[in-house]
Amino acid sequence: MKADPKADAAAPAGGKSKMLIIILAAVLVLGLGGGGAAWFFLHGSGGEEAAEPVKKESSKKKKKKEEHPPEYLAVEPFTVNLQPETGDQYLQVAFTLQVDGPEQAELIKTNMAKVRSRVLLLLSGKKASEINTVEGKQQLAGEILAAVQAPFDAHGDDQEVTDVLFTSFIIQ
């Protein structure tokens, strides 16, 4: 009795389909594992958050940030004489402040004279060699940020300014 040639041809095809199913199952398991790992790392574990005490102030700030997208407030350009090193030099700089919402933007606009005075005093005390590098510009941005964040009133709250973005920076 001879075996049916069609049955012999079907046997190897069945082996290939089993191998294909195993490969697809392995890919699916790896994909799910990778997706789960990505979710874990992006969202963090819930145990860490529960272990840390939550401050009411920080949660209020987070809510404010979530409620309002940041606003950008352009400040008129400054031209100041720099501290002398090799003769007279001046700085012409323009920047934009990133603030947390329309209330903070309005507060800054209302007190723009104080903002400009603080920044002018800060800039006029600089030397060209201190601010002509990238690191110097970054440090200057941090100093401007600190000056603008300081309360406008003696017992007031800090302004919620989150960044200083230079839009023009010329030293001559």
Foldseek 3Di string as FASTA:
>chain_A
DDDDVVVVVVVVVVVVVVVVVVVVVVVVVVVVVVVVVVCCVVVPDPVVVVVDDDDPVVVVVVVLCVVAPKDKAWADWDWEWEDDDPDTKIKIWTKIWTARHDVLNVVCVVVVVQLVVQLRVVRRHHDCVQQVDPVSVVVSFVVSQVSQQPDPDPPDHGGGTDTIGIPDIDMD
